[in-house]
Amino acid sequence: MAAEGFIEQKQREIAEANGLDYDAVKAWRRAQQADPDVIAQIAVARDRTKQMHEDGWRLQLKMAEDGIGCWDRRSRGVWTRLIHSVCRLGDGRVWGHISVSRHDQTMPSWEQLRDAGWAVYPDLTGIEVVAAKAEHFSGAGFAKHEVLHLWYPLTGPPLLPDFTAGFGTL
């Protein structure tokens, strides 16, 4: 048996003796050494399409298999639009971005913003940004459209403190 095969066999035996799945441990090790872009791709590389359809969202413009694109949903008689994108910003992090608007051009409600965020990133904390007045743009291709934005850091350490004060809920 080659030395590499012998070492891998011993590592497998040690993992199993300790109740661990050796293949999962190897995958975890690879992920720890991965490039931040790869980690971000893993974070968004889940097929959200099925869940988003179950939540009532309808794909209007498909950009990728992971939910990136433009989605519409009718709820309580109002059409809401969600645009999802992912990019690396100047801080070096990869960010998920969701913009939410209503077809009647009025400001989306907090619930509409929350539901859009949960549709794409149900397990992550999003950050709503109130831009400085001089930096504010609310276009979405229409001069009078009101748009809200959520940002999700997909790489790097958490940005926000634990606002739950250790209780686990907010």
N, C-alpha and C. Protein backbone atom coordinates (compact mmCIF):
# COMPACT_ATOMS: atom_id res chain seq x y z
N MET A 1 0.86 -1.18 0.00
CA MET A 1 0.00 0.00 0.00
C MET A 1 0.90 1.23 0.00
N ALA A 2 0.62 2.15 -0.87
CA ALA A 2 1.39 3.38 -0.95
C ALA A 2 1.22 4.18 0.33
N ALA A 3 2.21 5.02 0.63
CA ALA A 3 2.19 5.81 1.86
C ALA A 3 0.94 6.68 1.95
N GLU A 4 0.54 7.31 0.82
CA GLU A 4 -0.65 8.17 0.83
C GLU A 4 -1.90 7.37 1.16
N GLY A 5 -2.02 6.19 0.59
CA GLY A 5 -3.18 5.34 0.87
C GLY A 5 -3.20 4.88 2.31
N PHE A 6 -2.01 4.56 2.84
CA PHE A 6 -1.89 4.12 4.23
C PHE A 6 -2.32 5.24 5.17
N ILE A 7 -1.83 6.47 4.91
CA ILE A 7 -2.17 7.62 5.75
C ILE A 7 -3.67 7.90 5.70
N GLU A 8 -4.24 7.87 4.51
CA GLU A 8 -5.68 8.12 4.38
C GLU A 8 -6.48 7.05 5.12
N GLN A 9 -6.04 5.78 5.03
CA GLN A 9 -6.74 4.69 5.73
C GLN A 9 -6.69 4.91 7.24
N LYS A 10 -5.53 5.31 7.76
CA LYS A 10 -5.41 5.57 9.19
C LYS A 10 -6.28 6.75 9.62
N GLN A 11 -6.31 7.81 8.79
CA GLN A 11 -7.16 8.97 9.11
C GLN A 11 -8.63 8.56 9.13
N ARG A 12 -9.03 7.71 8.17
CA ARG A 12 -10.41 7.23 8.12
C ARG A 12 -10.74 6.43 9.39
N GLU A 13 -9.83 5.56 9.81
CA GLU A 13 -10.04 4.75 11.01
C GLU A 13 -10.17 5.62 12.25
N ILE A 14 -9.32 6.65 12.36
CA ILE A 14 -9.38 7.55 13.51
C ILE A 14 -10.70 8.31 13.52
N ALA A 15 -11.12 8.81 12.35
CA ALA A 15 -12.39 9.54 12.26
C ALA A 15 -13.55 8.65 12.67
N GLU A 16 -13.59 7.43 12.13
CA GLU A 16 -14.70 6.52 12.44
C GLU A 16 -14.69 6.11 13.91
N ALA A 17 -13.48 5.92 14.48
CA ALA A 17 -13.39 5.56 15.90
C ALA A 17 -13.94 6.66 16.80
N ASN A 18 -13.91 7.89 16.28
CA ASN A 18 -14.43 9.02 17.05
C ASN A 18 -15.82 9.45 16.62
N GLY A 19 -16.48 8.59 15.83
CA GLY A 19 -17.86 8.86 15.42
C GLY A 19 -18.00 9.94 14.36
N LEU A 20 -16.93 10.16 13.56
CA LEU A 20 -16.96 11.20 12.54
C LEU A 20 -17.04 10.59 11.15
N ASP A 21 -17.67 11.30 10.23
CA ASP A 21 -17.73 10.90 8.83
C ASP A 21 -16.46 11.44 8.16
N TYR A 22 -15.56 10.54 7.77
CA TYR A 22 -14.27 10.93 7.22
C TYR A 22 -14.42 11.82 5.99
N ASP A 23 -15.35 11.49 5.10
CA ASP A 23 -15.53 12.30 3.88
C ASP A 23 -16.00 13.71 4.22
N ALA A 24 -16.85 13.83 5.24
CA ALA A 24 -17.31 15.15 5.67
C ALA A 24 -16.16 15.96 6.26
N VAL A 25 -15.28 15.29 7.02
CA VAL A 25 -14.12 15.97 7.59
C VAL A 25 -13.20 16.46 6.48
N LYS A 26 -12.99 15.64 5.45
CA LYS A 26 -12.14 16.05 4.32
C LYS A 26 -12.75 17.26 3.60
N ALA A 27 -14.07 17.22 3.39
CA ALA A 27 -14.74 18.35 2.72
C ALA A 27 -14.62 19.61 3.56
N TRP A 28 -14.76 19.48 4.88
CA TRP A 28 -14.63 20.64 5.78
C TRP A 28 -13.22 21.21 5.69
N ARG A 29 -12.20 20.34 5.67
CA ARG A 29 -10.82 20.81 5.56
C ARG A 29 -10.59 21.56 4.25
N ARG A 30 -11.12 21.03 3.16
CA ARG A 30 -10.98 21.71 1.87
C ARG A 30 -11.65 23.08 1.90
N ALA A 31 -12.84 23.15 2.53
CA ALA A 31 -13.56 24.42 2.60
C ALA A 31 -12.79 25.44 3.42
N GLN A 32 -12.09 24.99 4.48
CA GLN A 32 -11.32 25.91 5.30
C GLN A 32 -10.16 26.52 4.52
N GLN A 33 -9.66 25.80 3.53
CA GLN A 33 -8.53 26.28 2.74
C GLN A 33 -8.99 26.98 1.46
N ALA A 34 -10.28 27.02 1.22
CA ALA A 34 -10.81 27.54 -0.03
C ALA A 34 -10.70 29.05 -0.13
N ASP A 35 -10.69 29.51 -1.34
CA ASP A 35 -10.71 30.93 -1.65
C ASP A 35 -12.05 31.50 -1.19
N PRO A 36 -12.08 32.75 -0.71
CA PRO A 36 -13.35 33.36 -0.28
C PRO A 36 -14.43 33.32 -1.37
N ASP A 37 -14.03 33.44 -2.64
CA ASP A 37 -15.02 33.35 -3.71
C ASP A 37 -15.69 31.99 -3.73
N VAL A 38 -14.93 30.94 -3.48
CA VAL A 38 -15.48 29.59 -3.46
C VAL A 38 -16.45 29.45 -2.29
N ILE A 39 -16.05 29.98 -1.14
CA ILE A 39 -16.93 29.91 0.03
C ILE A 39 -18.24 30.65 -0.26
N ALA A 40 -18.15 31.82 -0.90
CA ALA A 40 -19.35 32.58 -1.24
C ALA A 40 -20.21 31.80 -2.23
N GLN A 41 -19.59 31.16 -3.21
CA GLN A 41 -20.35 30.37 -4.17
C GLN A 41 -21.08 29.24 -3.47
N ILE A 42 -20.42 28.62 -2.49
CA ILE A 42 -21.07 27.55 -1.73
C ILE A 42 -22.28 28.12 -0.98
N ALA A 43 -22.10 29.34 -0.44
CA ALA A 43 -23.19 29.96 0.34
C ALA A 43 -24.42 30.23 -0.51
N VAL A 44 -24.23 30.56 -1.80
CA VAL A 44 -25.39 30.87 -2.64
C VAL A 44 -25.69 29.78 -3.66
N ALA A 45 -24.85 28.74 -3.71
CA ALA A 45 -25.03 27.71 -4.72
C ALA A 45 -26.02 26.64 -4.25
N ARG A 46 -27.14 27.08 -3.81
CA ARG A 46 -28.22 26.16 -3.49
C ARG A 46 -29.35 26.52 -4.44
N ASP A 47 -30.06 25.53 -4.86
CA ASP A 47 -31.11 25.82 -5.83
C ASP A 47 -32.33 26.36 -5.09
N ARG A 48 -32.45 27.68 -5.06
CA ARG A 48 -33.55 28.34 -4.36
C ARG A 48 -34.82 28.37 -5.21
N THR A 49 -34.72 28.00 -6.48
CA THR A 49 -35.85 28.14 -7.39
C THR A 49 -37.09 27.44 -6.87
N LYS A 50 -36.97 26.18 -6.44
CA LYS A 50 -38.14 25.43 -5.96
C LYS A 50 -38.78 26.11 -4.75
N GLN A 51 -37.96 26.48 -3.75
CA GLN A 51 -38.50 27.12 -2.55
C GLN A 51 -39.13 28.47 -2.88
N MET A 52 -38.51 29.24 -3.77
CA MET A 52 -39.07 30.54 -4.11
C MET A 52 -40.40 30.38 -4.83
N HIS A 53 -40.53 29.37 -5.69
CA HIS A 53 -41.82 29.12 -6.34
C HIS A 53 -42.86 28.72 -5.32
N GLU A 54 -42.49 27.91 -4.35
CA GLU A 54 -43.43 27.53 -3.30
C GLU A 54 -43.88 28.74 -2.49
N ASP A 55 -43.00 29.74 -2.35
CA ASP A 55 -43.33 30.97 -1.62
C ASP A 55 -44.11 31.96 -2.49
N GLY A 56 -44.39 31.58 -3.74
CA GLY A 56 -45.19 32.44 -4.62
C GLY A 56 -44.41 33.32 -5.57
N TRP A 57 -43.07 33.25 -5.55
CA TRP A 57 -42.26 34.06 -6.45
C TRP A 57 -42.21 33.41 -7.82
N ARG A 58 -42.26 34.23 -8.88
CA ARG A 58 -42.19 33.76 -10.26
C ARG A 58 -40.99 34.39 -10.94
N LEU A 59 -40.15 33.56 -11.52
CA LEU A 59 -38.92 34.02 -12.17
C LEU A 59 -39.26 34.78 -13.44
N GLN A 60 -38.72 36.00 -13.55
CA GLN A 60 -38.93 36.83 -14.74
C GLN A 60 -37.69 36.88 -15.62
N LEU A 61 -36.51 36.87 -14.99
CA LEU A 61 -35.24 36.93 -15.73
C LEU A 61 -34.25 36.06 -14.99
N LYS A 62 -33.83 34.96 -15.61
CA LYS A 62 -32.93 34.02 -14.97
C LYS A 62 -31.49 34.35 -15.33
N MET A 63 -30.67 34.50 -14.30
CA MET A 63 -29.25 34.77 -14.51
C MET A 63 -28.40 33.55 -14.16
N ALA A 64 -28.86 32.72 -13.21
CA ALA A 64 -28.09 31.55 -12.76
C ALA A 64 -29.04 30.58 -12.08
N GLU A 65 -28.52 29.40 -11.75
CA GLU A 65 -29.34 28.36 -11.14
C GLU A 65 -29.62 28.59 -9.66
N ASP A 66 -28.96 29.56 -9.03
CA ASP A 66 -29.06 29.72 -7.59
C ASP A 66 -30.01 30.81 -7.14
N GLY A 67 -30.90 31.26 -8.00
CA GLY A 67 -31.86 32.28 -7.61
C GLY A 67 -31.44 33.67 -8.04
N ILE A 68 -30.25 33.82 -8.62
CA ILE A 68 -29.83 35.14 -9.10
C ILE A 68 -30.69 35.50 -10.30
N GLY A 69 -31.29 36.67 -10.26
CA GLY A 69 -32.16 37.11 -11.34
C GLY A 69 -33.24 38.02 -10.83
N CYS A 70 -34.33 38.08 -11.56
CA CYS A 70 -35.44 38.97 -11.26
C CYS A 70 -36.70 38.13 -11.03
N TRP A 71 -37.38 38.37 -9.91
CA TRP A 71 -38.54 37.59 -9.50
C TRP A 71 -39.71 38.52 -9.19
N ASP A 72 -40.93 38.06 -9.47
CA ASP A 72 -42.14 38.81 -9.10
C ASP A 72 -43.04 37.92 -8.25
N ARG A 73 -43.80 38.57 -7.36
CA ARG A 73 -44.76 37.84 -6.53
C ARG A 73 -45.96 38.73 -6.26
N ARG A 74 -47.15 38.13 -6.36
CA ARG A 74 -48.38 38.85 -6.02
C ARG A 74 -48.85 38.34 -4.66
N SER A 75 -48.98 39.29 -3.73
CA SER A 75 -49.41 38.94 -2.38
C SER A 75 -50.34 40.05 -1.89
N ARG A 76 -51.49 39.67 -1.40
CA ARG A 76 -52.49 40.62 -0.90
C ARG A 76 -52.82 41.68 -1.95
N GLY A 77 -52.88 41.25 -3.20
CA GLY A 77 -53.26 42.13 -4.29
C GLY A 77 -52.17 43.06 -4.81
N VAL A 78 -50.95 42.93 -4.29
CA VAL A 78 -49.86 43.82 -4.70
C VAL A 78 -48.73 43.00 -5.31
N TRP A 79 -48.22 43.46 -6.46
CA TRP A 79 -47.07 42.83 -7.09
C TRP A 79 -45.79 43.41 -6.51
N THR A 80 -44.90 42.51 -6.09
CA THR A 80 -43.60 42.90 -5.56
C THR A 80 -42.52 42.33 -6.47
N ARG A 81 -41.48 43.10 -6.72
CA ARG A 81 -40.35 42.65 -7.55
C ARG A 81 -39.11 42.51 -6.67
N LEU A 82 -38.39 41.41 -6.85
CA LEU A 82 -37.15 41.13 -6.15
C LEU A 82 -36.06 40.95 -7.20
N ILE A 83 -34.97 41.69 -7.08
CA ILE A 83 -33.82 41.49 -7.95
C ILE A 83 -32.66 41.06 -7.06
N HIS A 84 -32.09 39.90 -7.40
CA HIS A 84 -31.02 39.30 -6.59
C HIS A 84 -29.72 39.30 -7.39
N SER A 85 -28.65 39.76 -6.75
CA SER A 85 -27.33 39.73 -7.38
C SER A 85 -26.27 39.41 -6.33
N VAL A 86 -25.08 39.05 -6.78
CA VAL A 86 -23.95 38.76 -5.91
C VAL A 86 -22.73 39.45 -6.50
N CYS A 87 -21.94 40.14 -5.65
CA CYS A 87 -20.74 40.82 -6.16
C CYS A 87 -19.71 40.97 -5.06
N ARG A 88 -18.46 41.19 -5.47
CA ARG A 88 -17.39 41.51 -4.52
C ARG A 88 -17.27 43.03 -4.50
N LEU A 89 -17.28 43.59 -3.29
CA LEU A 89 -17.18 45.04 -3.14
C LEU A 89 -15.78 45.44 -2.68
N GLY A 90 -15.57 46.72 -2.54
CA GLY A 90 -14.26 47.27 -2.21
C GLY A 90 -13.68 46.78 -0.90
N ASP A 91 -14.50 46.27 0.00
CA ASP A 91 -13.99 45.75 1.27
C ASP A 91 -13.40 44.35 1.13
N GLY A 92 -13.47 43.79 -0.08
CA GLY A 92 -12.94 42.45 -0.32
C GLY A 92 -13.93 41.33 -0.07
N ARG A 93 -15.05 41.64 0.55
CA ARG A 93 -16.07 40.63 0.83
C ARG A 93 -16.94 40.40 -0.41
N VAL A 94 -17.54 39.20 -0.44
CA VAL A 94 -18.56 38.92 -1.44
C VAL A 94 -19.91 39.17 -0.75
N TRP A 95 -20.78 39.94 -1.42
CA TRP A 95 -22.06 40.34 -0.85
C TRP A 95 -23.21 39.85 -1.72
N GLY A 96 -24.25 39.37 -1.07
CA GLY A 96 -25.52 39.12 -1.75
C GLY A 96 -26.34 40.40 -1.64
N HIS A 97 -27.01 40.78 -2.71
CA HIS A 97 -27.80 42.01 -2.72
C HIS A 97 -29.20 41.70 -3.23
N ILE A 98 -30.19 42.23 -2.53
CA ILE A 98 -31.58 42.09 -2.94
C ILE A 98 -32.20 43.48 -2.98
N SER A 99 -32.78 43.82 -4.11
CA SER A 99 -33.55 45.07 -4.17
C SER A 99 -35.02 44.68 -4.31
N VAL A 100 -35.87 45.42 -3.63
CA VAL A 100 -37.30 45.11 -3.58
C VAL A 100 -38.08 46.37 -3.97
N SER A 101 -39.00 46.20 -4.91
CA SER A 101 -39.86 47.32 -5.31
C SER A 101 -41.26 46.79 -5.54
N ARG A 102 -42.19 47.71 -5.65
CA ARG A 102 -43.59 47.36 -5.93
C ARG A 102 -43.95 47.87 -7.31
N HIS A 103 -44.83 47.14 -7.99
CA HIS A 103 -45.23 47.53 -9.35
C HIS A 103 -46.03 48.83 -9.36
N ASP A 104 -46.68 49.17 -8.23
CA ASP A 104 -47.44 50.42 -8.19
C ASP A 104 -46.55 51.62 -7.84
N GLN A 105 -45.23 51.40 -7.79
CA GLN A 105 -44.21 52.43 -7.58
C GLN A 105 -44.20 53.03 -6.18
N THR A 106 -44.93 52.46 -5.24
CA THR A 106 -44.89 52.96 -3.86
C THR A 106 -43.83 52.19 -3.09
N MET A 107 -43.49 52.69 -1.93
CA MET A 107 -42.45 52.09 -1.09
C MET A 107 -42.90 50.70 -0.61
N PRO A 108 -42.05 49.68 -0.78
CA PRO A 108 -42.39 48.36 -0.24
C PRO A 108 -42.51 48.43 1.28
N SER A 109 -43.33 47.57 1.84
CA SER A 109 -43.47 47.52 3.29
C SER A 109 -42.29 46.75 3.89
N TRP A 110 -42.15 46.88 5.21
CA TRP A 110 -41.10 46.13 5.90
C TRP A 110 -41.33 44.64 5.70
N GLU A 111 -42.58 44.19 5.74
CA GLU A 111 -42.89 42.77 5.56
C GLU A 111 -42.49 42.28 4.17
N GLN A 112 -42.72 43.12 3.15
CA GLN A 112 -42.33 42.73 1.79
C GLN A 112 -40.80 42.62 1.67
N LEU A 113 -40.08 43.54 2.30
CA LEU A 113 -38.63 43.49 2.31
C LEU A 113 -38.15 42.24 3.05
N ARG A 114 -38.71 41.99 4.21
CA ARG A 114 -38.35 40.80 5.01
C ARG A 114 -38.61 39.53 4.24
N ASP A 115 -39.80 39.41 3.64
CA ASP A 115 -40.16 38.19 2.91
C ASP A 115 -39.24 37.95 1.72
N ALA A 116 -38.84 39.02 1.04
CA ALA A 116 -37.91 38.87 -0.08
C ALA A 116 -36.56 38.38 0.41
N GLY A 117 -36.10 38.94 1.52
CA GLY A 117 -34.81 38.50 2.08
C GLY A 117 -34.87 37.05 2.52
N TRP A 118 -35.94 36.66 3.19
CA TRP A 118 -36.07 35.28 3.64
C TRP A 118 -36.21 34.31 2.47
N ALA A 119 -36.77 34.77 1.36
CA ALA A 119 -36.92 33.88 0.20
C ALA A 119 -35.56 33.46 -0.35
N VAL A 120 -34.58 34.35 -0.31
CA VAL A 120 -33.27 34.06 -0.89
C VAL A 120 -32.27 33.61 0.17
N TYR A 121 -32.24 34.28 1.31
CA TYR A 121 -31.26 33.97 2.36
C TYR A 121 -31.97 33.72 3.69
N PRO A 122 -32.70 32.62 3.82
CA PRO A 122 -33.48 32.40 5.04
C PRO A 122 -32.62 32.22 6.29
N ASP A 123 -31.35 31.86 6.14
CA ASP A 123 -30.50 31.58 7.30
C ASP A 123 -29.47 32.65 7.58
N LEU A 124 -29.53 33.77 6.85
CA LEU A 124 -28.54 34.84 7.03
C LEU A 124 -29.22 36.12 7.51
N THR A 125 -28.45 36.96 8.17
CA THR A 125 -28.93 38.26 8.61
C THR A 125 -28.61 39.30 7.54
N GLY A 126 -29.64 39.97 7.07
CA GLY A 126 -29.46 41.01 6.06
C GLY A 126 -29.31 42.37 6.71
N ILE A 127 -28.70 43.28 5.97
CA ILE A 127 -28.48 44.64 6.45
C ILE A 127 -29.21 45.59 5.52
N GLU A 128 -30.14 46.36 6.07
CA GLU A 128 -30.82 47.39 5.28
C GLU A 128 -30.02 48.68 5.44
N VAL A 129 -29.71 49.32 4.33
CA VAL A 129 -28.89 50.52 4.35
C VAL A 129 -29.75 51.73 4.01
N VAL A 130 -29.67 52.75 4.85
CA VAL A 130 -30.28 54.04 4.55
C VAL A 130 -29.14 54.93 4.08
N ALA A 131 -29.11 55.18 2.79
CA ALA A 131 -28.01 55.95 2.20
C ALA A 131 -28.12 57.42 2.59
N ALA A 132 -26.98 58.08 2.56
CA ALA A 132 -26.98 59.53 2.73
C ALA A 132 -27.82 60.14 1.60
N LYS A 133 -28.47 61.23 1.87
CA LYS A 133 -29.38 61.84 0.89
C LYS A 133 -28.69 62.06 -0.47
N ALA A 134 -27.45 62.51 -0.45
CA ALA A 134 -26.73 62.79 -1.70
C ALA A 134 -26.40 61.51 -2.48
N GLU A 135 -26.37 60.36 -1.78
CA GLU A 135 -26.01 59.09 -2.42
C GLU A 135 -27.24 58.26 -2.77
N HIS A 136 -28.42 58.71 -2.39
CA HIS A 136 -29.64 57.92 -2.59
C HIS A 136 -30.05 57.90 -4.05
N PHE A 137 -30.36 56.70 -4.51
CA PHE A 137 -30.90 56.51 -5.86
C PHE A 137 -32.02 55.50 -5.75
N SER A 138 -33.15 55.81 -6.28
CA SER A 138 -34.30 54.91 -6.23
C SER A 138 -34.90 54.82 -7.61
N GLY A 139 -34.16 54.18 -8.52
CA GLY A 139 -34.58 54.19 -9.91
C GLY A 139 -35.26 52.93 -10.39
N ALA A 140 -34.57 51.81 -10.35
CA ALA A 140 -35.07 50.53 -10.87
C ALA A 140 -35.58 50.69 -12.29
N GLY A 141 -35.00 51.64 -13.04
CA GLY A 141 -35.41 51.86 -14.42
C GLY A 141 -36.59 52.80 -14.56
N PHE A 142 -37.17 53.22 -13.44
CA PHE A 142 -38.31 54.12 -13.47
C PHE A 142 -38.02 55.30 -12.56
N ALA A 143 -38.28 56.49 -13.02
CA ALA A 143 -37.92 57.70 -12.27
C ALA A 143 -38.59 57.77 -10.91
N LYS A 144 -39.81 57.24 -10.76
CA LYS A 144 -40.53 57.40 -9.51
C LYS A 144 -40.64 56.12 -8.69
N HIS A 145 -39.96 55.08 -9.08
CA HIS A 145 -40.02 53.82 -8.33
C HIS A 145 -39.30 53.96 -6.99
N GLU A 146 -39.90 53.49 -5.93
CA GLU A 146 -39.26 53.43 -4.62
C GLU A 146 -38.70 52.02 -4.44
N VAL A 147 -37.45 51.92 -4.04
CA VAL A 147 -36.77 50.64 -3.93
C VAL A 147 -36.08 50.54 -2.58
N LEU A 148 -36.20 49.38 -1.94
CA LEU A 148 -35.47 49.09 -0.71
C LEU A 148 -34.41 48.03 -1.02
N HIS A 149 -33.33 48.06 -0.24
CA HIS A 149 -32.20 47.16 -0.50
C HIS A 149 -31.80 46.41 0.76
N LEU A 150 -31.45 45.14 0.59
CA LEU A 150 -30.86 44.33 1.65
C LEU A 150 -29.51 43.82 1.17
N TRP A 151 -28.53 43.84 2.05
CA TRP A 151 -27.19 43.35 1.74
C TRP A 151 -26.85 42.23 2.71
N TYR A 152 -26.25 41.16 2.18
CA TYR A 152 -25.89 40.00 2.97
C TYR A 152 -24.40 39.72 2.80
N PRO A 153 -23.58 39.85 3.85
CA PRO A 153 -22.17 39.50 3.73
C PRO A 153 -22.04 37.98 3.61
N LEU A 154 -21.46 37.52 2.50
CA LEU A 154 -21.35 36.07 2.27
C LEU A 154 -19.97 35.53 2.62
N THR A 155 -18.99 36.41 2.80
CA THR A 155 -17.66 35.98 3.20
C THR A 155 -17.17 36.85 4.34
N GLY A 156 -16.16 36.36 5.03
CA GLY A 156 -15.57 37.11 6.12
C GLY A 156 -16.31 36.89 7.43
N PRO A 157 -15.75 37.43 8.51
CA PRO A 157 -16.39 37.26 9.82
C PRO A 157 -17.68 38.06 9.90
N PRO A 158 -18.55 37.72 10.86
CA PRO A 158 -19.79 38.48 11.02
C PRO A 158 -19.52 39.96 11.22
N LEU A 159 -20.40 40.79 10.67
CA LEU A 159 -20.24 42.24 10.79
C LEU A 159 -20.96 42.83 11.99
N LEU A 160 -22.02 42.17 12.40
CA LEU A 160 -22.87 42.74 13.45
C LEU A 160 -22.67 42.01 14.78
N PRO A 161 -22.83 42.73 15.87
CA PRO A 161 -22.77 42.06 17.18
C PRO A 161 -24.01 41.18 17.37
N ASP A 162 -24.00 40.37 18.41
CA ASP A 162 -25.15 39.52 18.74
C ASP A 162 -26.20 40.39 19.43
N PHE A 163 -27.14 40.92 18.65
CA PHE A 163 -28.19 41.77 19.21
C PHE A 163 -29.20 41.00 20.05
N THR A 164 -29.13 39.66 20.02
CA THR A 164 -30.08 38.86 20.79
C THR A 164 -29.70 38.81 22.26
N ALA A 165 -28.55 39.38 22.62
CA ALA A 165 -28.05 39.37 24.00
C ALA A 165 -27.97 37.95 24.55
N GLY A 166 -27.66 37.00 23.66
CA GLY A 166 -27.49 35.62 24.08
C GLY A 166 -28.77 34.82 24.16
N PHE A 167 -29.93 35.43 23.91
CA PHE A 167 -31.20 34.72 24.01
C PHE A 167 -31.56 33.95 22.74
N GLY A 168 -30.87 34.27 21.61
CA GLY A 168 -31.10 33.54 20.36
C GLY A 168 -32.23 34.06 19.50
N THR A 169 -33.01 34.99 19.98
CA THR A 169 -34.08 35.58 19.17
C THR A 169 -34.03 37.09 19.31
N LEU A 170 -34.61 37.74 18.33
CA LEU A 170 -34.59 39.19 18.34
C LEU A 170 -35.99 39.72 18.18
